[in-house]
């Protein structure tokens, strides 16, 4: 089956994705690099004019603001990248499943599914929710809080309101991504509820032909890990700015709760898109094993009669039983999770990376002491 042209609709879900991805043909990485320079070069130029590049007279300089660089290099870039990448993740997953012939569609079934999926994914309501959330938060909480700090940002109106705009954009993108992420997980799971699955047992991806789904989940795991790494670097920045030990910083209750939340959410986010596919794969495996088992019982029930027949008939009966036992052994090894060892290793590596990075300053502090 060919992939319907409607799959490209996901690149039209919002004006930013449409312009950068479809109109100007930017990939997520080049677009993110461009975004990073566009938000930082004006700030650097203004800071040079205002002489606020470096800390002086109690005012924190732009180059010394670890929090800003941690956010703009990691958190903001990750948000912008994933916002533009998500249509790729959706199309590559669905296209991969079609290419591997793991889903069985009726005529126009897939096109109808994609159209319905896109209609929910691009709903205007999902744009209003982030706007209604971001604007009050930024205007009534973030703006008053930022005005109390003596930093490069509060030195002039351009820097202040430009950063406020960037924060608003990131907040909007973050809420939109969260909403769309839930929608994508729901509709990918619906794919396996709505259509029959054909597990390709000997497929080279070692996941029954469903590895594209596992790859998508691993990619979502990377995103969660990047945000966690951003939080770790933020804690390191706090320890440097406040001259506290890093261990004291991470002992704060809200930091420990953040680590706990991450430990819970990382596996949940990874397995959420896989759960229904796993059940479908397990059901297909169990059904096949049950068929083999039923046939085995039928053949075994014939043995008493074959004992009184000639040797050739008994030999044929025993041969069939042996072949059914072999088939049962083969069926027992059928995959029931839509990911392979590579997907799992990548996910686990990304999940533990924030803890590894967090351990480094603790180890350095112990060595220095």
Protein backbone atom coordinates (compact mmCIF):
# COMPACT_ATOMS: atom_id res chain seq x y z
CA UNK A 1 0.00 0.00 0.00
CA UNK A 2 1.24 3.49 -0.88
CA UNK A 3 1.29 6.24 1.73
CA UNK A 4 -1.63 8.67 1.13
CA UNK A 5 -0.70 12.22 0.16
CA UNK A 6 -2.77 13.42 3.10
CA UNK A 7 0.15 12.46 5.38
CA UNK A 8 1.75 15.82 4.46
CA UNK A 9 -1.12 17.67 6.16
CA UNK A 10 0.73 17.58 9.47
CA UNK A 11 3.19 20.13 8.08
CA UNK A 12 0.28 22.57 7.72
CA UNK A 13 -1.00 22.40 11.29
CA UNK A 14 0.27 25.90 12.19
CA UNK A 15 1.77 28.87 10.37
CA UNK A 16 5.27 28.45 11.82
CA UNK A 17 5.62 24.80 10.80
CA UNK A 18 4.05 25.50 7.42
CA UNK A 19 6.39 28.39 6.60
CA UNK A 20 9.63 26.85 7.85
CA UNK A 21 9.08 23.19 6.91
CA UNK A 22 6.85 23.29 3.83
CA UNK A 23 7.36 26.71 2.24
CA UNK A 24 11.09 27.28 2.87
CA UNK A 25 12.04 23.58 3.20
CA UNK A 26 14.02 24.03 6.43
CA UNK A 27 14.86 20.89 8.38
CA UNK A 28 14.28 21.01 12.16
CA UNK A 29 18.01 21.33 12.92
CA UNK A 30 18.87 24.23 10.53
CA UNK A 31 15.69 26.04 11.57
CA UNK A 32 16.59 25.64 15.25
CA UNK A 33 20.13 26.93 14.64
CA UNK A 34 18.66 29.95 12.84
CA UNK A 35 16.24 30.51 15.72
CA UNK A 36 19.10 30.44 18.25
CA UNK A 37 21.06 33.12 16.38
CA UNK A 38 17.99 35.27 15.72
CA UNK A 39 17.12 35.49 19.41
CA UNK A 40 20.66 35.97 20.72
CA UNK A 41 22.42 38.23 18.19
CA UNK A 42 20.06 41.20 18.80
CA UNK A 43 20.48 40.78 22.55
CA UNK A 44 24.27 40.68 22.25
CA UNK A 45 24.30 43.79 20.04
CA UNK A 46 22.08 45.72 22.46
CA UNK A 47 24.15 44.51 25.44
CA UNK A 48 27.30 45.76 23.69
CA UNK A 49 25.73 49.19 23.19
CA UNK A 50 24.43 49.29 26.77
CA UNK A 51 27.72 47.84 28.12
CA UNK A 52 25.90 45.00 29.87
CA UNK A 53 27.75 42.06 28.31
CA UNK A 54 29.66 41.51 31.56
CA UNK A 55 28.65 41.88 35.18
CA UNK A 56 29.38 45.29 36.66
CA UNK A 57 28.06 47.52 39.46
CA UNK A 58 25.89 44.72 40.80
CA UNK A 59 24.10 44.15 37.49
CA UNK A 60 24.38 40.64 36.01
CA UNK A 61 25.84 40.72 32.49
CA UNK A 62 24.53 38.75 29.53
CA UNK A 63 27.67 36.61 29.19
CA UNK A 64 27.57 35.81 32.90
CA UNK A 65 23.88 34.90 32.94
CA UNK A 66 24.20 31.10 33.07
CA UNK A 67 20.44 30.71 33.40
CA UNK A 68 19.76 32.48 30.11
CA UNK A 69 22.35 30.50 28.16
CA UNK A 70 21.22 27.23 29.68
CA UNK A 71 17.65 28.03 28.61
CA UNK A 72 18.45 29.38 25.15
CA UNK A 73 20.95 26.64 24.27
CA UNK A 74 19.11 23.63 25.66
CA UNK A 75 15.49 24.19 26.72
CA UNK A 76 14.44 26.76 24.10
CA UNK A 77 16.25 24.99 21.27
CA UNK A 78 14.80 21.62 22.32
CA UNK A 79 11.27 23.05 22.37
CA UNK A 80 11.67 24.74 18.99
CA UNK A 81 13.27 21.65 17.42
CA UNK A 82 10.64 19.21 18.66
CA UNK A 83 7.83 21.57 17.61
CA UNK A 84 9.14 21.43 14.03
CA UNK A 85 10.15 17.74 14.20
CA UNK A 86 6.82 16.30 15.43
CA UNK A 87 5.27 16.11 11.90
CA UNK A 88 8.37 14.12 10.86
CA UNK A 89 7.85 11.75 13.79
CA UNK A 90 4.21 11.17 12.85
CA UNK A 91 4.78 10.70 9.12
CA UNK A 92 7.87 8.49 9.53
CA UNK A 93 6.07 6.25 12.03
CA UNK A 94 2.96 5.76 9.90
CA UNK A 95 4.99 5.45 6.67
CA UNK A 96 7.31 2.92 8.31
CA UNK A 97 4.40 0.76 9.45
CA UNK A 98 2.93 0.85 5.95
CA UNK A 99 6.28 0.00 4.36
CA UNK A 100 6.70 -2.96 6.72
CA UNK A 101 3.16 -4.17 5.88
CA UNK A 102 2.21 -4.58 9.53
CA UNK A 103 -1.22 -2.96 9.33
CA UNK A 104 -4.17 -4.13 7.26
CA UNK A 105 -6.35 -1.34 5.85
CA UNK A 106 -9.53 -1.42 3.85
CA UNK A 107 -9.84 0.81 0.78
CA UNK A 108 -9.42 4.49 1.75
CA UNK A 109 -9.23 3.39 5.38
CA UNK A 110 -5.78 4.85 5.97
CA UNK A 111 -6.59 8.13 4.24
CA UNK A 112 -9.73 8.53 6.35
CA UNK A 113 -7.72 7.77 9.49
CA UNK A 114 -5.08 10.41 8.62
CA UNK A 115 -7.74 13.01 7.80
CA UNK A 116 -9.48 12.43 11.14
CA UNK A 117 -6.13 12.41 12.97
CA UNK A 118 -5.10 15.72 11.38
CA UNK A 119 -8.47 17.34 12.08
CA UNK A 120 -7.99 16.78 15.82
CA UNK A 121 -4.23 17.50 15.74
CA UNK A 122 -4.67 20.89 14.07
CA UNK A 123 -7.78 21.98 15.96
CA UNK A 124 -7.92 25.72 16.69
CA UNK A 125 -8.84 24.96 20.29
CA UNK A 126 -5.33 23.61 20.87
CA UNK A 127 -3.97 27.05 19.91
CA UNK A 128 -6.39 28.94 22.14
CA UNK A 129 -5.52 26.90 25.24
CA UNK A 130 -1.77 27.80 25.14
CA UNK A 131 -2.58 31.45 24.35
CA UNK A 132 -5.06 31.73 27.22
CA UNK A 133 -2.50 30.10 29.52
CA UNK A 134 0.69 31.79 28.35
CA UNK A 135 -0.48 35.42 28.19
CA UNK A 136 -1.81 35.68 31.79
CA UNK A 137 1.19 33.79 33.17
CA UNK A 138 3.75 35.96 31.38
CA UNK A 139 2.00 39.30 32.03
CA UNK A 140 0.92 38.79 35.62
CA UNK A 141 3.62 36.48 37.02
CA UNK A 142 6.76 36.42 34.89
CA UNK A 143 6.96 40.15 34.01
CA UNK A 144 6.60 41.47 37.61
CA UNK A 145 9.09 38.89 38.88
CA UNK A 146 11.70 39.76 36.24
CA UNK A 147 11.51 43.49 36.97
CA UNK A 148 12.88 42.86 40.46
CA UNK A 149 16.23 41.54 39.15
CA UNK A 150 19.26 43.69 38.37
CA UNK A 151 20.32 42.06 35.09
CA UNK A 152 21.17 42.93 31.49
CA UNK A 153 17.55 42.20 30.65
CA UNK A 154 16.11 45.00 32.83
CA UNK A 155 18.65 47.58 31.65
CA UNK A 156 16.54 48.61 28.64
CA UNK A 157 13.04 48.11 27.30
CA UNK A 158 14.10 46.36 24.09
CA UNK A 159 15.96 43.54 25.86
CA UNK A 160 13.23 43.21 28.48
CA UNK A 161 10.29 42.92 26.11
CA UNK A 162 12.23 40.89 23.55
CA UNK A 163 12.98 38.27 26.21
CA UNK A 164 9.34 38.41 27.33
CA UNK A 165 8.32 37.69 23.72
CA UNK A 166 10.71 34.72 23.55
CA UNK A 167 9.39 33.37 26.84
CA UNK A 168 5.82 33.76 25.59
CA UNK A 169 6.66 31.94 22.37
CA UNK A 170 8.37 29.10 24.26
CA UNK A 171 5.50 28.83 26.71
CA UNK A 172 3.03 28.69 23.83
CA UNK A 173 5.10 26.05 22.01
CA UNK A 174 5.56 24.00 25.18
CA UNK A 175 1.83 23.84 25.97
CA UNK A 176 1.06 23.12 22.32
CA UNK A 177 3.62 20.31 22.26
CA UNK A 178 2.19 18.80 25.43
CA UNK A 179 -1.32 18.90 23.94
CA UNK A 180 -0.23 17.53 20.58
CA UNK A 181 1.86 14.85 22.27
CA UNK A 182 -1.22 13.51 24.05
CA UNK A 183 -3.19 13.63 20.78
CA UNK A 184 -0.45 11.78 18.87
CA UNK A 185 -0.20 9.05 21.51
CA UNK A 186 -3.99 8.63 21.51
CA UNK A 187 -4.22 8.39 17.71
CA UNK A 188 -1.24 6.04 17.33
CA UNK A 189 -2.87 3.75 19.87
CA UNK A 190 -6.18 4.10 18.02
CA UNK A 191 -4.43 2.87 14.88
CA UNK A 192 -3.93 -0.53 16.50
CA UNK A 193 -7.45 -0.62 17.92
CA UNK A 194 -9.12 0.30 14.67
CA UNK A 195 -7.15 -1.88 12.23
CA UNK A 196 -5.88 -5.44 12.18
CA UNK A 197 -2.20 -6.04 12.82
CA UNK A 198 0.04 -8.44 10.91
CA UNK A 199 3.14 -9.14 13.00
CA UNK A 200 6.05 -9.85 10.65
CA UNK A 201 7.80 -12.35 12.88
CA UNK A 202 10.97 -12.63 10.79
CA UNK A 203 11.19 -8.94 9.92
CA UNK A 204 14.80 -7.70 10.18
CA UNK A 205 13.88 -4.94 12.65
CA UNK A 206 13.44 -7.68 15.34
CA UNK A 207 10.21 -6.05 16.46
CA UNK A 208 7.71 -7.74 14.17
CA UNK A 209 7.92 -4.87 11.67
CA UNK A 210 6.73 -2.39 14.31
CA UNK A 211 10.12 -0.82 15.12
CA UNK A 212 9.04 2.58 13.64
CA UNK A 213 6.68 2.92 16.59
CA UNK A 214 9.47 2.04 19.02
CA UNK A 215 11.73 4.56 17.31
CA UNK A 216 9.11 7.28 17.81
CA UNK A 217 8.82 6.43 21.52
CA UNK A 218 12.62 6.51 21.90
CA UNK A 219 12.67 9.97 20.25
CA UNK A 220 10.09 11.23 22.76
CA UNK A 221 12.32 9.78 25.48
CA UNK A 222 15.21 11.89 24.15
CA UNK A 223 13.08 15.02 24.50
CA UNK A 224 12.20 14.27 28.13
CA UNK A 225 15.88 13.60 28.85
CA UNK A 226 16.95 16.91 27.26
CA UNK A 227 14.55 18.84 29.49
CA UNK A 228 15.89 16.91 32.48
CA UNK A 229 19.47 17.76 31.46
CA UNK A 230 18.41 21.41 31.20
CA UNK A 231 17.13 21.19 34.77
CA UNK A 232 20.39 19.61 35.95
CA UNK A 233 22.45 22.37 34.32
CA UNK A 234 20.11 24.91 35.92
CA UNK A 235 20.91 23.39 39.32
CA UNK A 236 24.62 23.53 38.55
CA UNK A 237 24.22 27.21 37.59
CA UNK A 238 22.39 27.89 40.84
CA UNK A 239 25.19 26.29 42.87
CA UNK A 240 27.77 28.47 41.07
CA UNK A 241 25.79 31.72 41.39
CA UNK A 242 24.85 31.18 45.06
CA UNK A 243 28.24 29.62 46.01
CA UNK A 244 26.45 26.59 47.47
CA UNK A 245 27.59 23.03 47.05
CA UNK A 246 25.74 21.27 44.26
CA UNK A 247 24.68 18.53 46.66
CA UNK A 248 22.92 21.12 48.84
CA UNK A 249 21.08 22.51 45.81
CA UNK A 250 19.68 19.16 44.69
CA UNK A 251 18.64 18.31 48.26
CA UNK A 252 15.95 21.00 48.05
CA UNK A 253 12.46 19.41 48.17
CA UNK A 254 11.28 20.79 44.80
CA UNK A 255 14.46 19.51 43.08
CA UNK A 256 14.01 16.05 44.58
CA UNK A 257 10.36 16.09 43.50
CA UNK A 258 11.47 17.03 39.97
CA UNK A 259 13.83 14.03 39.91
CA UNK A 260 11.03 11.78 41.17
CA UNK A 261 8.61 13.17 38.57
CA UNK A 262 11.17 12.52 35.83
CA UNK A 263 11.74 8.93 37.00
CA UNK A 264 8.00 8.28 36.75
CA UNK A 265 7.22 10.21 33.57
CA UNK A 266 10.14 9.02 31.41
CA UNK A 267 9.01 5.36 31.24
CA UNK A 268 5.33 6.40 31.06
CA UNK A 269 6.00 8.59 28.02
CA UNK A 270 8.08 5.86 26.38
CA UNK A 271 5.52 3.07 26.84
CA UNK A 272 2.34 5.12 26.31
CA UNK A 273 2.49 4.99 22.46
CA UNK A 274 3.38 1.29 22.62
CA UNK A 275 0.74 -0.07 24.98
CA UNK A 276 -2.06 -0.85 22.51
CA UNK A 277 0.40 -2.16 19.89
CA UNK A 278 1.86 -4.43 22.60
CA UNK A 279 -1.59 -5.79 23.44
CA UNK A 280 -2.33 -6.36 19.75
CA UNK A 281 0.98 -8.18 19.24
CA UNK A 282 0.43 -10.29 22.35
CA UNK A 283 -3.12 -11.13 21.27
CA UNK A 284 -1.92 -12.17 17.81
CA UNK A 285 0.78 -14.35 19.37
CA UNK A 286 -1.61 -15.94 21.87
CA UNK A 287 -4.21 -16.62 19.16
CA UNK A 288 -1.65 -18.39 16.98
CA UNK A 289 -0.27 -20.42 19.88
CA UNK A 290 -3.85 -21.39 20.81
CA UNK A 291 -4.47 -22.64 17.25
CA UNK A 292 -1.29 -24.71 17.40
CA UNK A 293 -2.24 -26.02 20.84
CA UNK A 294 -5.75 -26.98 19.71
CA UNK A 295 -4.39 -28.83 16.70
CA UNK A 296 -1.84 -30.55 18.95
CA UNK A 297 -4.64 -31.80 21.22
CA UNK A 298 -6.56 -33.11 18.20
CA UNK A 299 -3.54 -35.02 16.96
CA UNK A 300 -2.80 -36.41 20.43
CA UNK A 301 -6.38 -37.68 20.73
CA UNK A 302 -5.78 -39.81 17.60
CA UNK A 303 -2.79 -41.65 19.08
CA UNK A 304 -4.76 -44.45 20.86
CA UNK A 305 -6.39 -45.35 17.51
CA UNK A 306 -3.07 -45.17 15.66
CA UNK A 307 -1.47 -47.60 18.11
CA UNK A 308 -3.66 -50.35 16.67
CA UNK A 309 -3.05 -49.30 13.05
CA UNK A 310 -0.03 -49.99 10.88
CA UNK A 311 3.39 -48.48 11.60
CA UNK A 312 3.27 -45.98 8.69
CA UNK A 313 0.09 -44.35 9.97
CA UNK A 314 1.53 -44.10 13.49
CA UNK A 315 4.74 -42.64 12.10
CA UNK A 316 2.81 -39.97 10.19
CA UNK A 317 0.82 -39.09 13.32
CA UNK A 318 3.94 -38.78 15.49
CA UNK A 319 5.70 -36.70 12.81
CA UNK A 320 2.82 -34.21 12.77
CA UNK A 321 2.89 -33.98 16.56
CA UNK A 322 6.64 -33.30 16.51
CA UNK A 323 6.18 -30.58 13.89
CA UNK A 324 3.43 -28.97 15.96
CA UNK A 325 5.76 -28.97 18.98
CA UNK A 326 8.44 -27.24 16.89
CA UNK A 327 5.91 -24.71 15.65
CA UNK A 328 4.82 -24.04 19.22
CA UNK A 329 8.42 -23.46 20.21
CA UNK A 330 8.88 -21.00 17.34
CA UNK A 331 5.62 -19.17 18.12
CA UNK A 332 6.64 -18.78 21.76
CA UNK A 333 9.51 -16.57 20.59
CA UNK A 334 7.31 -14.17 18.62
CA UNK A 335 7.94 -10.53 19.68
CA UNK A 336 5.23 -8.84 21.75
CA UNK A 337 6.75 -5.35 22.10
CA UNK A 338 7.05 -2.95 19.13
CA UNK A 339 10.67 -2.04 19.79
CA UNK A 340 14.00 -3.74 19.35
CA UNK A 341 17.12 -3.76 21.52
CA UNK A 342 18.49 -0.65 19.77
CA UNK A 343 15.35 1.36 20.61
CA UNK A 344 15.50 0.20 24.22
CA UNK A 345 19.23 0.92 24.63
CA UNK A 346 18.81 4.41 23.19
CA UNK A 347 15.91 5.11 25.50
CA UNK A 348 17.69 3.84 28.60
CA UNK A 349 20.84 5.77 27.68
CA UNK A 350 18.88 8.99 27.32
CA UNK A 351 16.99 8.40 30.58
CA UNK A 352 20.13 7.89 32.70
CA UNK A 353 22.10 10.74 31.07
CA UNK A 354 20.71 13.46 33.42
CA UNK A 355 21.73 11.36 36.42
CA UNK A 356 25.23 10.85 34.99
CA UNK A 357 25.61 14.59 34.41
CA UNK A 358 24.23 15.29 37.89
CA UNK A 359 26.74 12.88 39.43
CA UNK A 360 29.77 14.63 37.89
CA UNK A 361 29.67 17.82 40.03
CA UNK A 362 29.01 15.74 43.13
CA UNK A 363 32.08 13.63 42.35
CA UNK A 364 34.18 16.75 41.68
CA UNK A 365 33.11 18.28 44.99
CA UNK A 366 34.07 15.10 46.84
CA UNK A 367 37.47 14.96 45.11
CA UNK A 368 38.21 18.65 45.76
CA UNK A 369 37.30 18.32 49.42
